[in-house]
Amino acid sequence: MKRFKKAVKKRIVRPKKENKTKQQTDNIDWDSPLEKEFYNFSKSYPIVLISGFVVGPYKLDFAYFDKSSSRPRFKIDIEIDGLNFHSYLHQREHDYQRQIYLAMNDWYVLRFTGRQIFKNPDKCMNQILEYIKHLEDKYNQKRLIIHEDDTAVGK
């Protein structure tokens, strides 16, 4: 975690000039240094986050897809709300509209403040993992319903 904070602080205080070699970050166009560091930090966890995934007119900070079957049972949008971008009313209204759009398209949304990510990225990742586990349990329960006559019906 100290390495994470140090890396974020270094990029915030002294941002490096853009290099033409973006292969180190998978050619991702980062919206903030915090997103980039969180993405790199997430690689040490047993999940795959996709940065910059587009859903309709919206670009998500991170997307997670359930991989338990060929077709994902659930999708999660993980947003990092930095103070600079999310402190104005019109920006928050945009976020609310995005959240409504995503909910109408069967997405779950998790939001973290930049401060939460910066102060304790491990806690944020563990909350993401807990939420994934919660959704897996929820969808596993829906999958099989046992009737009184002991016949199983998939849902």
C-alpha atoms as a PDB file:
ATOM      1  CA  MET A   1       0.000   0.000   0.000  1.00  0.00           C
ATOM      2  CA  LYS A   2       2.907   2.384   0.656  1.00  0.00           C
ATOM      3  CA  ARG A   3       4.086   1.767  -2.900  1.00  0.00           C
ATOM      4  CA  PHE A   4       0.609   2.631  -4.182  1.00  0.00           C
ATOM      5  CA  LYS A   5       0.433   5.915  -2.250  1.00  0.00           C
ATOM      6  CA  LYS A   6       3.967   6.841  -3.250  1.00  0.00           C
ATOM      7  CA  ALA A   7       3.259   6.182  -6.935  1.00  0.00           C
ATOM      8  CA  VAL A   8       0.037   8.221  -6.871  1.00  0.00           C
ATOM      9  CA  LYS A   9       1.644  11.096  -4.977  1.00  0.00           C
ATOM     10  CA  LYS A  10       4.569  11.179  -7.411  1.00  0.00           C
ATOM     11  CA  ARG A  11       2.246  11.406 -10.403  1.00  0.00           C
ATOM     12  CA  ILE A  12       0.044  14.042  -8.807  1.00  0.00           C
ATOM     13  CA  VAL A  13       2.925  16.255  -7.695  1.00  0.00           C
ATOM     14  CA  ARG A  14       5.159  15.737 -10.734  1.00  0.00           C
ATOM     15  CA  PRO A  15       3.182  14.336 -13.645  1.00  0.00           C
ATOM     16  CA  LYS A  16       5.449  12.812 -16.246  1.00  0.00           C
ATOM     17  CA  LYS A  17       5.248  13.975 -19.826  1.00  0.00           C
ATOM     18  CA  GLU A  18       3.360  11.657 -22.139  1.00  0.00           C
ATOM     19  CA  ASN A  19       5.581   9.111 -23.788  1.00  0.00           C
ATOM     20  CA  LYS A  20       4.905   7.658 -27.179  1.00  0.00           C
ATOM     21  CA  THR A  21       5.455   4.212 -25.667  1.00  0.00           C
ATOM     22  CA  LYS A  22       2.141   3.481 -23.965  1.00  0.00           C
ATOM     23  CA  GLN A  23       2.587  -0.296 -24.117  1.00  0.00           C
ATOM     24  CA  GLN A  24       3.329  -0.336 -20.386  1.00  0.00           C
ATOM     25  CA  THR A  25      -0.308   0.513 -19.634  1.00  0.00           C
ATOM     26  CA  ASP A  26      -1.938  -1.489 -22.432  1.00  0.00           C
ATOM     27  CA  ASN A  27      -2.583   1.592 -24.603  1.00  0.00           C
ATOM     28  CA  ILE A  28      -5.185   2.855 -22.162  1.00  0.00           C
ATOM     29  CA  ASP A  29      -6.195   6.509 -22.205  1.00  0.00           C
ATOM     30  CA  TRP A  30      -6.354   7.239 -18.465  1.00  0.00           C
ATOM     31  CA  ASP A  31      -8.690   9.920 -17.119  1.00  0.00           C
ATOM     32  CA  SER A  32      -6.595  10.314 -13.967  1.00  0.00           C
ATOM     33  CA  PRO A  33      -3.326   9.090 -12.440  1.00  0.00           C
ATOM     34  CA  LEU A  34      -5.364   7.540  -9.623  1.00  0.00           C
ATOM     35  CA  GLU A  35      -7.261   5.313 -12.086  1.00  0.00           C
ATOM     36  CA  LYS A  36      -3.995   4.152 -13.628  1.00  0.00           C
ATOM     37  CA  GLU A  37      -2.466   3.315 -10.249  1.00  0.00           C
ATOM     38  CA  PHE A  38      -5.634   1.554  -9.080  1.00  0.00           C
ATOM     39  CA  TYR A  39      -5.660  -0.531 -12.274  1.00  0.00           C
ATOM     40  CA  ASN A  40      -2.023  -1.539 -11.739  1.00  0.00           C
ATOM     41  CA  PHE A  41      -2.790  -2.243  -8.069  1.00  0.00           C
ATOM     42  CA  SER A  42      -5.785  -4.431  -9.029  1.00  0.00           C
ATOM     43  CA  LYS A  43      -3.509  -6.800 -10.973  1.00  0.00           C
ATOM     44  CA  SER A  44      -2.376  -8.310  -7.667  1.00  0.00           C
ATOM     45  CA  TYR A  45      -5.961  -9.477  -7.004  1.00  0.00           C
ATOM     46  CA  PRO A  46      -7.805 -12.465  -8.526  1.00  0.00           C
ATOM     47  CA  ILE A  47     -10.104 -10.381 -10.769  1.00  0.00           C
ATOM     48  CA  VAL A  48      -9.761  -8.743 -14.157  1.00  0.00           C
ATOM     49  CA  LEU A  49     -10.873  -5.134 -14.479  1.00  0.00           C
ATOM     50  CA  ILE A  50     -11.348  -3.602 -17.926  1.00  0.00           C
ATOM     51  CA  SER A  51     -10.564   0.094 -18.106  1.00  0.00           C
ATOM     52  CA  GLY A  52     -12.399   2.490 -20.395  1.00  0.00           C
ATOM     53  CA  PHE A  53     -15.146   0.052 -21.420  1.00  0.00           C
ATOM     54  CA  VAL A  54     -17.898   1.866 -23.340  1.00  0.00           C
ATOM     55  CA  VAL A  55     -21.607   1.240 -22.675  1.00  0.00           C
ATOM     56  CA  GLY A  56     -23.865   3.272 -24.943  1.00  0.00           C
ATOM     57  CA  PRO A  57     -22.763   6.900 -24.654  1.00  0.00           C
ATOM     58  CA  TYR A  58     -20.744   6.323 -21.457  1.00  0.00           C
ATOM     59  CA  LYS A  59     -17.130   5.385 -20.796  1.00  0.00           C
ATOM     60  CA  LEU A  60     -16.753   3.427 -17.559  1.00  0.00           C
ATOM     61  CA  ASP A  61     -13.755   3.781 -15.275  1.00  0.00           C
ATOM     62  CA  PHE A  62     -13.623  -0.011 -14.845  1.00  0.00           C
ATOM     63  CA  ALA A  63     -15.860  -2.868 -15.915  1.00  0.00           C
ATOM     64  CA  TYR A  64     -16.029  -6.340 -14.405  1.00  0.00           C
ATOM     65  CA  PHE A  65     -17.770  -9.263 -16.109  1.00  0.00           C
ATOM     66  CA  ASP A  66     -18.748 -12.482 -14.368  1.00  0.00           C
ATOM     67  CA  LYS A  67     -16.822 -15.269 -16.110  1.00  0.00           C
ATOM     68  CA  SER A  68     -18.658 -18.289 -14.708  1.00  0.00           C
ATOM     69  CA  SER A  69     -20.331 -19.059 -18.028  1.00  0.00           C
ATOM     70  CA  SER A  70     -20.030 -18.140 -21.694  1.00  0.00           C
ATOM     71  CA  ARG A  71     -22.489 -15.275 -21.142  1.00  0.00           C
ATOM     72  CA  PRO A  72     -21.869 -13.064 -18.083  1.00  0.00           C
ATOM     73  CA  ARG A  73     -24.610 -13.352 -15.474  1.00  0.00           C
ATOM     74  CA  PHE A  74     -23.793  -9.899 -14.121  1.00  0.00           C
ATOM     75  CA  LYS A  75     -21.743  -6.832 -14.983  1.00  0.00           C
ATOM     76  CA  ILE A  76     -20.268  -4.288 -12.579  1.00  0.00           C
ATOM     77  CA  ASP A  77     -19.213  -0.711 -13.302  1.00  0.00           C
ATOM     78  CA  ILE A  78     -16.590   0.484 -10.805  1.00  0.00           C
ATOM     79  CA  GLU A  79     -16.271   4.264 -10.643  1.00  0.00           C
ATOM     80  CA  ILE A  80     -13.640   6.385  -8.931  1.00  0.00           C
ATOM     81  CA  ASP A  81     -15.045   9.816  -8.177  1.00  0.00           C
ATOM     82  CA  GLY A  82     -12.192  12.267  -7.904  1.00  0.00           C
ATOM     83  CA  LEU A  83     -12.860  15.547  -6.124  1.00  0.00           C
ATOM     84  CA  ASN A  84     -11.760  17.693  -9.079  1.00  0.00           C
ATOM     85  CA  PHE A  85     -14.235  16.231 -11.552  1.00  0.00           C
ATOM     86  CA  HIS A  86     -17.157  15.356  -9.296  1.00  0.00           C
ATOM     87  CA  SER A  87     -17.432  18.533  -7.228  1.00  0.00           C
ATOM     88  CA  TYR A  88     -19.766  20.397  -9.598  1.00  0.00           C
ATOM     89  CA  LEU A  89     -23.528  19.874  -9.755  1.00  0.00           C
ATOM     90  CA  HIS A  90     -23.682  19.282 -13.529  1.00  0.00           C
ATOM     91  CA  GLN A  91     -21.008  16.590 -13.249  1.00  0.00           C
ATOM     92  CA  ARG A  92     -22.899  14.806 -10.466  1.00  0.00           C
ATOM     93  CA  GLU A  93     -26.102  15.036 -12.520  1.00  0.00           C
ATOM     94  CA  HIS A  94     -24.223  13.434 -15.427  1.00  0.00           C
ATOM     95  CA  ASP A  95     -23.154  10.608 -13.081  1.00  0.00           C
ATOM     96  CA  TYR A  96     -26.751  10.094 -11.934  1.00  0.00           C
ATOM     97  CA  GLN A  97     -27.957   9.898 -15.547  1.00  0.00           C
ATOM     98  CA  ARG A  98     -25.203   7.399 -16.324  1.00  0.00           C
ATOM     99  CA  GLN A  99     -26.140   5.282 -13.309  1.00  0.00           C
ATOM    100  CA  ILE A 100     -29.807   5.212 -14.398  1.00  0.00           C
ATOM    101  CA  TYR A 101     -28.790   4.240 -17.939  1.00  0.00           C
ATOM    102  CA  LEU A 102     -26.527   1.461 -16.654  1.00  0.00           C
ATOM    103  CA  ALA A 103     -29.184   0.132 -14.260  1.00  0.00           C
ATOM    104  CA  MET A 104     -31.671   0.006 -17.145  1.00  0.00           C
ATOM    105  CA  ASN A 105     -29.111  -2.091 -19.032  1.00  0.00           C
ATOM    106  CA  ASP A 106     -28.549  -4.582 -16.180  1.00  0.00           C
ATOM    107  CA  TRP A 107     -25.318  -3.114 -14.794  1.00  0.00           C
ATOM    108  CA  TYR A 108     -24.468  -2.866 -11.095  1.00  0.00           C
ATOM    109  CA  VAL A 109     -22.537   0.243 -10.083  1.00  0.00           C
ATOM    110  CA  LEU A 110     -19.960   0.572  -7.297  1.00  0.00           C
ATOM    111  CA  ARG A 111     -18.599   4.039  -6.516  1.00  0.00           C
ATOM    112  CA  PHE A 112     -15.511   4.969  -4.537  1.00  0.00           C
ATOM    113  CA  THR A 113     -14.174   8.410  -3.793  1.00  0.00           C
ATOM    114  CA  GLY A 114     -10.639   9.201  -4.832  1.00  0.00           C
ATOM    115  CA  ARG A 115      -9.852   9.626  -1.156  1.00  0.00           C
ATOM    116  CA  GLN A 116     -11.056   6.077  -0.340  1.00  0.00           C
ATOM    117  CA  ILE A 117      -8.892   4.650  -3.120  1.00  0.00           C
ATOM    118  CA  PHE A 118      -5.858   6.720  -2.147  1.00  0.00           C
ATOM    119  CA  LYS A 119      -6.076   6.049   1.605  1.00  0.00           C
ATOM    120  CA  ASN A 120      -6.904   2.338   1.513  1.00  0.00           C
ATOM    121  CA  PRO A 121      -6.884   0.621  -1.897  1.00  0.00           C
ATOM    122  CA  ASP A 122      -6.835  -2.823  -0.226  1.00  0.00           C
ATOM    123  CA  LYS A 123     -10.123  -2.113   1.537  1.00  0.00           C
ATOM    124  CA  CYS A 124     -11.701  -0.939  -1.739  1.00  0.00           C
ATOM    125  CA  MET A 125     -10.524  -4.067  -3.580  1.00  0.00           C
ATOM    126  CA  ASN A 126     -11.835  -6.274  -0.775  1.00  0.00           C
ATOM    127  CA  GLN A 127     -15.220  -4.530  -0.964  1.00  0.00           C
ATOM    128  CA  ILE A 128     -15.277  -5.200  -4.718  1.00  0.00           C
ATOM    129  CA  LEU A 129     -14.441  -8.875  -4.103  1.00  0.00           C
ATOM    130  CA  GLU A 130     -17.155  -9.117  -1.419  1.00  0.00           C
ATOM    131  CA  TYR A 131     -19.699  -7.596  -3.795  1.00  0.00           C
ATOM    132  CA  ILE A 132     -18.720 -10.033  -6.555  1.00  0.00           C
ATOM    133  CA  LYS A 133     -19.124 -12.922  -4.086  1.00  0.00           C
ATOM    134  CA  HIS A 134     -22.530 -11.548  -3.039  1.00  0.00           C
ATOM    135  CA  LEU A 135     -23.695 -11.415  -6.677  1.00  0.00           C
ATOM    136  CA  GLU A 136     -22.305 -14.899  -7.408  1.00  0.00           C
ATOM    137  CA  ASP A 137     -24.258 -16.293  -4.445  1.00  0.00           C
ATOM    138  CA  LYS A 138     -27.376 -14.437  -5.548  1.00  0.00           C
ATOM    139  CA  TYR A 139     -27.177 -15.765  -9.101  1.00  0.00           C
ATOM    140  CA  ASN A 140     -26.296 -19.296  -7.975  1.00  0.00           C
ATOM    141  CA  GLN A 141     -29.467 -19.360  -5.850  1.00  0.00           C
ATOM    142  CA  LYS A 142     -31.569 -18.252  -8.816  1.00  0.00           C
ATOM    143  CA  ARG A 143     -30.108 -20.987 -10.986  1.00  0.00           C
ATOM    144  CA  LEU A 144     -31.725 -23.978  -9.331  1.00  0.00           C
ATOM    145  CA  ILE A 145     -35.033 -24.107  -7.513  1.00  0.00           C
ATOM    146  CA  ILE A 146     -36.109 -27.390  -5.895  1.00  0.00           C
ATOM    147  CA  HIS A 147     -39.858 -28.085  -5.965  1.00  0.00           C
ATOM    148  CA  GLU A 148     -41.788 -29.980  -3.303  1.00  0.00           C
ATOM    149  CA  ASP A 149     -41.853 -33.137  -5.439  1.00  0.00           C
ATOM    150  CA  ASP A 150     -37.979 -33.058  -5.545  1.00  0.00           C
ATOM    151  CA  THR A 151     -37.784 -32.089  -9.201  1.00  0.00           C
ATOM    152  CA  ALA A 152     -35.246 -29.421 -10.013  1.00  0.00           C
ATOM    153  CA  VAL A 153     -36.107 -26.587 -12.345  1.00  0.00           C
ATOM    154  CA  GLY A 154     -33.439 -24.232 -13.669  1.00  0.00           C
ATOM    155  CA  LYS A 155     -34.219 -20.523 -13.698  1.00  0.00           C
END
